[in-house]
Amino acid sequence: MNAGDGIVVLIILALVIWSIRYMMKNGVDACSGDCHGACKGHCKWVGDVNKAHRHISRMNKIKAFFHMT
């Protein structure tokens, strides 16, 4: 094993440790599409993002209709 291999192994190890620490701190997302119980806040946020995407899409269609790119 040369120095390059050692660096790659260290980077992978650091990423694994970071992932484990992140999961310990934030937990694993267990909602899986369930919008009842503890997941209501998560689903509301996703709904807000989807609503914003629809609004932006409508605005872009209006701008395209009036040739206002």
PDB file of N, CA and C in Angstrom:
ATOM      1  N   MET A   1       0.855  -1.174   0.000  1.00  0.00           N
ATOM      2  CA  MET A   1       0.000   0.000   0.000  1.00  0.00           C
ATOM      3  C   MET A   1       0.899   1.236   0.000  1.00  0.00           C
ATOM      4  N   ASN A   2       0.681   2.104  -0.968  1.00  0.00           N
ATOM      5  CA  ASN A   2       1.491   3.315  -1.038  1.00  0.00           C
ATOM      6  C   ASN A   2       0.753   4.494  -0.404  1.00  0.00           C
ATOM      7  N   ALA A   3       1.336   5.670  -0.496  1.00  0.00           N
ATOM      8  CA  ALA A   3       0.776   6.854   0.162  1.00  0.00           C
ATOM      9  C   ALA A   3      -0.583   7.232  -0.430  1.00  0.00           C
ATOM     10  N   GLY A   4      -0.742   7.083  -1.737  1.00  0.00           N
ATOM     11  CA  GLY A   4      -2.021   7.414  -2.377  1.00  0.00           C
ATOM     12  C   GLY A   4      -3.153   6.545  -1.869  1.00  0.00           C
ATOM     13  N   ASP A   5      -2.869   5.240  -1.720  1.00  0.00           N
ATOM     14  CA  ASP A   5      -3.885   4.333  -1.183  1.00  0.00           C
ATOM     15  C   ASP A   5      -4.234   4.702   0.252  1.00  0.00           C
ATOM     16  N   GLY A   6      -3.231   5.082   1.020  1.00  0.00           N
ATOM     17  CA  GLY A   6      -3.467   5.473   2.411  1.00  0.00           C
ATOM     18  C   GLY A   6      -4.355   6.700   2.514  1.00  0.00           C
ATOM     19  N   ILE A   7      -4.134   7.659   1.616  1.00  0.00           N
ATOM     20  CA  ILE A   7      -4.947   8.877   1.624  1.00  0.00           C
ATOM     21  C   ILE A   7      -6.396   8.545   1.270  1.00  0.00           C
ATOM     22  N   VAL A   8      -6.591   7.684   0.281  1.00  0.00           N
ATOM     23  CA  VAL A   8      -7.949   7.293  -0.106  1.00  0.00           C
ATOM     24  C   VAL A   8      -8.648   6.583   1.046  1.00  0.00           C
ATOM     25  N   VAL A   9      -7.941   5.693   1.726  1.00  0.00           N
ATOM     26  CA  VAL A   9      -8.518   4.982   2.866  1.00  0.00           C
ATOM     27  C   VAL A   9      -8.876   5.960   3.978  1.00  0.00           C
ATOM     28  N   LEU A  10      -8.022   6.944   4.235  1.00  0.00           N
ATOM     29  CA  LEU A  10      -8.312   7.944   5.270  1.00  0.00           C
ATOM     30  C   LEU A  10      -9.530   8.791   4.900  1.00  0.00           C
ATOM     31  N   ILE A  11      -9.661   9.154   3.639  1.00  0.00           N
ATOM     32  CA  ILE A  11     -10.816   9.946   3.213  1.00  0.00           C
ATOM     33  C   ILE A  11     -12.100   9.143   3.379  1.00  0.00           C
ATOM     34  N   ILE A  12     -12.076   7.878   2.966  1.00  0.00           N
ATOM     35  CA  ILE A  12     -13.262   7.027   3.120  1.00  0.00           C
ATOM     36  C   ILE A  12     -13.605   6.848   4.588  1.00  0.00           C
ATOM     37  N   LEU A  13     -12.604   6.637   5.415  1.00  0.00           N
ATOM     38  CA  LEU A  13     -12.823   6.480   6.851  1.00  0.00           C
ATOM     39  C   LEU A  13     -13.419   7.752   7.450  1.00  0.00           C
ATOM     40  N   ALA A  14     -12.913   8.907   7.030  1.00  0.00           N
ATOM     41  CA  ALA A  14     -13.444  10.176   7.531  1.00  0.00           C
ATOM     42  C   ALA A  14     -14.905  10.351   7.121  1.00  0.00           C
ATOM     43  N   LEU A  15     -15.248   9.980   5.886  1.00  0.00           N
ATOM     44  CA  LEU A  15     -16.639  10.092   5.436  1.00  0.00           C
ATOM     45  C   LEU A  15     -17.564   9.161   6.209  1.00  0.00           C
ATOM     46  N   VAL A  16     -17.100   7.962   6.500  1.00  0.00           N
ATOM     47  CA  VAL A  16     -17.905   7.014   7.276  1.00  0.00           C
ATOM     48  C   VAL A  16     -18.133   7.549   8.684  1.00  0.00           C
ATOM     49  N   ILE A  17     -17.082   8.061   9.302  1.00  0.00           N
ATOM     50  CA  ILE A  17     -17.210   8.615  10.659  1.00  0.00           C
ATOM     51  C   ILE A  17     -18.158   9.809  10.646  1.00  0.00           C
ATOM     52  N   TRP A  18     -18.028  10.684   9.642  1.00  0.00           N
ATOM     53  CA  TRP A  18     -18.904  11.846   9.555  1.00  0.00           C
ATOM     54  C   TRP A  18     -20.358  11.404   9.392  1.00  0.00           C
ATOM     55  N   SER A  19     -20.608  10.387   8.567  1.00  0.00           N
ATOM     56  CA  SER A  19     -21.972   9.888   8.361  1.00  0.00           C
ATOM     57  C   SER A  19     -22.559   9.324   9.646  1.00  0.00           C
ATOM     58  N   ILE A  20     -21.758   8.580  10.391  1.00  0.00           N
ATOM     59  CA  ILE A  20     -22.230   8.006  11.654  1.00  0.00           C
ATOM     60  C   ILE A  20     -22.545   9.109  12.652  1.00  0.00           C
ATOM     61  N   ARG A  21     -21.676  10.113  12.746  1.00  0.00           N
ATOM     62  CA  ARG A  21     -21.926  11.230  13.674  1.00  0.00           C
ATOM     63  C   ARG A  21     -23.184  11.992  13.263  1.00  0.00           C
ATOM     64  N   TYR A  22     -23.389  12.179  11.966  1.00  0.00           N
ATOM     65  CA  TYR A  22     -24.573  12.876  11.484  1.00  0.00           C
ATOM     66  C   TYR A  22     -25.844  12.116  11.857  1.00  0.00           C
ATOM     67  N   MET A  23     -25.827  10.794  11.657  1.00  0.00           N
ATOM     68  CA  MET A  23     -26.998   9.984  12.007  1.00  0.00           C
ATOM     69  C   MET A  23     -27.236   9.978  13.508  1.00  0.00           C
ATOM     70  N   MET A  24     -26.168   9.970  14.303  1.00  0.00           N
ATOM     71  CA  MET A  24     -26.340  10.001  15.755  1.00  0.00           C
ATOM     72  C   MET A  24     -26.952  11.325  16.186  1.00  0.00           C
ATOM     73  N   LYS A  25     -26.567  12.419  15.534  1.00  0.00           N
ATOM     74  CA  LYS A  25     -27.063  13.734  15.910  1.00  0.00           C
ATOM     75  C   LYS A  25     -28.480  13.973  15.390  1.00  0.00           C
ATOM     76  N   ASN A  26     -28.752  13.651  14.117  1.00  0.00           N
ATOM     77  CA  ASN A  26     -30.017  13.997  13.479  1.00  0.00           C
ATOM     78  C   ASN A  26     -30.997  12.845  13.364  1.00  0.00           C
ATOM     79  N   GLY A  27     -30.531  11.638  13.553  1.00  0.00           N
ATOM     80  CA  GLY A  27     -31.408  10.485  13.422  1.00  0.00           C
ATOM     81  C   GLY A  27     -31.617  10.109  11.968  1.00  0.00           C
ATOM     82  N   VAL A  28     -32.336   9.034  11.771  1.00  0.00           N
ATOM     83  CA  VAL A  28     -32.631   8.550  10.431  1.00  0.00           C
ATOM     84  C   VAL A  28     -34.060   8.947  10.110  1.00  0.00           C
ATOM     85  N   ASP A  29     -34.285   9.413   8.899  1.00  0.00           N
ATOM     86  CA  ASP A  29     -35.627   9.818   8.486  1.00  0.00           C
ATOM     87  C   ASP A  29     -36.504   8.582   8.364  1.00  0.00           C
ATOM     88  N   ALA A  30     -37.452   8.449   9.279  1.00  0.00           N
ATOM     89  CA  ALA A  30     -38.301   7.261   9.309  1.00  0.00           C
ATOM     90  C   ALA A  30     -39.714   7.559   8.825  1.00  0.00           C
ATOM     91  N   CYS A  31     -39.933   8.703   8.195  1.00  0.00           N
ATOM     92  CA  CYS A  31     -41.289   9.055   7.776  1.00  0.00           C
ATOM     93  C   CYS A  31     -41.761   8.186   6.625  1.00  0.00           C
ATOM     94  N   SER A  32     -40.970   8.009   5.625  1.00  0.00           N
ATOM     95  CA  SER A  32     -41.288   7.158   4.472  1.00  0.00           C
ATOM     96  C   SER A  32     -42.671   7.456   3.904  1.00  0.00           C
ATOM     97  N   GLY A  33     -42.996   8.720   3.779  1.00  0.00           N
ATOM     98  CA  GLY A  33     -44.277   9.098   3.201  1.00  0.00           C
ATOM     99  C   GLY A  33     -45.421   9.137   4.191  1.00  0.00           C
ATOM    100  N   ASP A  34     -45.185   8.791   5.449  1.00  0.00           N
ATOM    101  CA  ASP A  34     -46.228   8.811   6.467  1.00  0.00           C
ATOM    102  C   ASP A  34     -46.353  10.232   6.998  1.00  0.00           C
ATOM    103  N   CYS A  35     -47.498  10.861   6.805  1.00  0.00           N
ATOM    104  CA  CYS A  35     -47.691  12.250   7.223  1.00  0.00           C
ATOM    105  C   CYS A  35     -48.469  12.357   8.528  1.00  0.00           C
ATOM    106  N   HIS A  36     -48.566  11.293   9.277  1.00  0.00           N
ATOM    107  CA  HIS A  36     -49.292  11.310  10.543  1.00  0.00           C
ATOM    108  C   HIS A  36     -48.297  11.170  11.691  1.00  0.00           C
ATOM    109  N   GLY A  37     -48.684  11.619  12.848  1.00  0.00           N
ATOM    110  CA  GLY A  37     -47.827  11.476  14.022  1.00  0.00           C
ATOM    111  C   GLY A  37     -46.678  12.462  13.998  1.00  0.00           C
ATOM    112  N   ALA A  38     -45.489  11.965  14.257  1.00  0.00           N
ATOM    113  CA  ALA A  38     -44.313  12.818  14.391  1.00  0.00           C
ATOM    114  C   ALA A  38     -43.838  13.372  13.058  1.00  0.00           C
ATOM    115  N   CYS A  39     -44.332  12.874  11.946  1.00  0.00           N
ATOM    116  CA  CYS A  39     -43.842  13.285  10.628  1.00  0.00           C
ATOM    117  C   CYS A  39     -44.628  14.445  10.029  1.00  0.00           C
ATOM    118  N   LYS A  40     -45.583  15.001  10.737  1.00  0.00           N
ATOM    119  CA  LYS A  40     -46.401  16.074  10.171  1.00  0.00           C
ATOM    120  C   LYS A  40     -45.563  17.267   9.757  1.00  0.00           C
ATOM    121  N   GLY A  41     -44.598  17.661  10.568  1.00  0.00           N
ATOM    122  CA  GLY A  41     -43.758  18.807  10.234  1.00  0.00           C
ATOM    123  C   GLY A  41     -42.956  18.575   8.973  1.00  0.00           C
ATOM    124  N   HIS A  42     -42.445  17.364   8.810  1.00  0.00           N
ATOM    125  CA  HIS A  42     -41.662  17.031   7.614  1.00  0.00           C
ATOM    126  C   HIS A  42     -42.540  17.111   6.379  1.00  0.00           C
ATOM    127  N   CYS A  43     -43.735  16.565   6.455  1.00  0.00           N
ATOM    128  CA  CYS A  43     -44.632  16.569   5.305  1.00  0.00           C
ATOM    129  C   CYS A  43     -45.082  17.986   4.976  1.00  0.00           C
ATOM    130  N   LYS A  44     -45.283  18.830   5.976  1.00  0.00           N
ATOM    131  CA  LYS A  44     -45.666  20.214   5.730  1.00  0.00           C
ATOM    132  C   LYS A  44     -44.562  20.928   4.977  1.00  0.00           C
ATOM    133  N   TRP A  45     -43.317  20.694   5.374  1.00  0.00           N
ATOM    134  CA  TRP A  45     -42.188  21.327   4.698  1.00  0.00           C
ATOM    135  C   TRP A  45     -42.122  20.880   3.246  1.00  0.00           C
ATOM    136  N   VAL A  46     -42.293  19.591   2.994  1.00  0.00           N
ATOM    137  CA  VAL A  46     -42.270  19.069   1.625  1.00  0.00           C
ATOM    138  C   VAL A  46     -43.414  19.678   0.829  1.00  0.00           C
ATOM    139  N   GLY A  47     -44.577  19.821   1.457  1.00  0.00           N
ATOM    140  CA  GLY A  47     -45.713  20.441   0.779  1.00  0.00           C
ATOM    141  C   GLY A  47     -45.439  21.889   0.425  1.00  0.00           C
ATOM    142  N   ASP A  48     -44.788  22.627   1.326  1.00  0.00           N
ATOM    143  CA  ASP A  48     -44.440  24.017   1.047  1.00  0.00           C
ATOM    144  C   ASP A  48     -43.476  24.117  -0.127  1.00  0.00           C
ATOM    145  N   VAL A  49     -42.511  23.217  -0.188  1.00  0.00           N
ATOM    146  CA  VAL A  49     -41.551  23.219  -1.293  1.00  0.00           C
ATOM    147  C   VAL A  49     -42.268  22.916  -2.600  1.00  0.00           C
ATOM    148  N   ASN A  50     -43.167  21.939  -2.584  1.00  0.00           N
ATOM    149  CA  ASN A  50     -43.917  21.605  -3.799  1.00  0.00           C
ATOM    150  C   ASN A  50     -44.797  22.767  -4.239  1.00  0.00           C
ATOM    151  N   LYS A  51     -45.402  23.468  -3.280  1.00  0.00           N
ATOM    152  CA  LYS A  51     -46.228  24.626  -3.603  1.00  0.00           C
ATOM    153  C   LYS A  51     -45.375  25.720  -4.249  1.00  0.00           C
ATOM    154  N   ALA A  52     -44.178  25.930  -3.738  1.00  0.00           N
ATOM    155  CA  ALA A  52     -43.279  26.931  -4.314  1.00  0.00           C
ATOM    156  C   ALA A  52     -42.867  26.545  -5.734  1.00  0.00           C
ATOM    157  N   HIS A  53     -42.611  25.258  -5.967  1.00  0.00           N
ATOM    158  CA  HIS A  53     -42.266  24.801  -7.317  1.00  0.00           C
ATOM    159  C   HIS A  53     -43.419  25.068  -8.290  1.00  0.00           C
ATOM    160  N   ARG A  54     -44.648  24.799  -7.860  1.00  0.00           N
ATOM    161  CA  ARG A  54     -45.803  25.044  -8.723  1.00  0.00           C
ATOM    162  C   ARG A  54     -45.949  26.534  -9.028  1.00  0.00           C
ATOM    163  N   HIS A  55     -45.729  27.382  -8.019  1.00  0.00           N
ATOM    164  CA  HIS A  55     -45.834  28.825  -8.212  1.00  0.00           C
ATOM    165  C   HIS A  55     -44.787  29.312  -9.212  1.00  0.00           C
ATOM    166  N   ILE A  56     -43.567  28.848  -9.062  1.00  0.00           N
ATOM    167  CA  ILE A  56     -42.499  29.249  -9.982  1.00  0.00           C
ATOM    168  C   ILE A  56     -42.820  28.778 -11.394  1.00  0.00           C
ATOM    169  N   SER A  57     -43.356  27.573 -11.517  1.00  0.00           N
ATOM    170  CA  SER A  57     -43.726  27.051 -12.828  1.00  0.00           C
ATOM    171  C   SER A  57     -44.808  27.917 -13.470  1.00  0.00           C
ATOM    172  N   ARG A  58     -45.820  28.312 -12.691  1.00  0.00           N
ATOM    173  CA  ARG A  58     -46.877  29.181 -13.213  1.00  0.00           C
ATOM    174  C   ARG A  58     -46.314  30.522 -13.660  1.00  0.00           C
ATOM    175  N   MET A  59     -45.432  31.103 -12.843  1.00  0.00           N
ATOM    176  CA  MET A  59     -44.837  32.394 -13.192  1.00  0.00           C
ATOM    177  C   MET A  59     -44.019  32.289 -14.474  1.00  0.00           C
ATOM    178  N   ASN A  60     -43.285  31.200 -14.633  1.00  0.00           N
ATOM    179  CA  ASN A  60     -42.490  31.014 -15.848  1.00  0.00           C
ATOM    180  C   ASN A  60     -43.382  30.867 -17.073  1.00  0.00           C
ATOM    181  N   LYS A  61     -44.529  30.180 -16.930  1.00  0.00           N
ATOM    182  CA  LYS A  61     -45.457  30.036 -18.051  1.00  0.00           C
ATOM    183  C   LYS A  61     -46.046  31.388 -18.439  1.00  0.00           C
ATOM    184  N   ILE A  62     -46.389  32.203 -17.435  1.00  0.00           N
ATOM    185  CA  ILE A  62     -46.933  33.537 -17.718  1.00  0.00           C
ATOM    186  C   ILE A  62     -45.886  34.390 -18.418  1.00  0.00           C
ATOM    187  N   LYS A  63     -44.656  34.356 -17.928  1.00  0.00           N
ATOM    188  CA  LYS A  63     -43.583  35.129 -18.566  1.00  0.00           C
ATOM    189  C   LYS A  63     -43.355  34.664 -20.000  1.00  0.00           C
ATOM    190  N   ALA A  64     -43.393  33.358 -20.221  1.00  0.00           N
ATOM    191  CA  ALA A  64     -43.191  32.830 -21.570  1.00  0.00           C
ATOM    192  C   ALA A  64     -44.339  33.257 -22.487  1.00  0.00           C
ATOM    193  N   PHE A  65     -45.562  33.284 -21.964  1.00  0.00           N
ATOM    194  CA  PHE A  65     -46.713  33.686 -22.762  1.00  0.00           C
ATOM    195  C   PHE A  65     -46.577  35.133 -23.232  1.00  0.00           C
ATOM    196  N   PHE A  66     -46.104  36.001 -22.345  1.00  0.00           N
ATOM    197  CA  PHE A  66     -45.941  37.411 -22.686  1.00  0.00           C
ATOM    198  C   PHE A  66     -44.549  37.725 -23.231  1.00  0.00           C
ATOM    199  N   HIS A  67     -43.764  36.690 -23.502  1.00  0.00           N
ATOM    200  CA  HIS A  67     -42.400  36.830 -24.042  1.00  0.00           C
ATOM    201  C   HIS A  67     -41.535  37.712 -23.153  1.00  0.00           C
ATOM    202  N   MET A  68     -41.625  37.501 -21.849  1.00  0.00           N
ATOM    203  CA  MET A  68     -40.848  38.272 -20.870  1.00  0.00           C
ATOM    204  C   MET A  68     -39.812  37.363 -20.221  1.00  0.00           C
ATOM    205  N   THR A  69     -38.882  36.868 -20.967  1.00  0.00           N
ATOM    206  CA  THR A  69     -37.897  35.935 -20.411  1.00  0.00           C
ATOM    207  C   THR A  69     -37.094  36.585 -19.392  1.00  0.00           C
TER     208      THR A  69
END
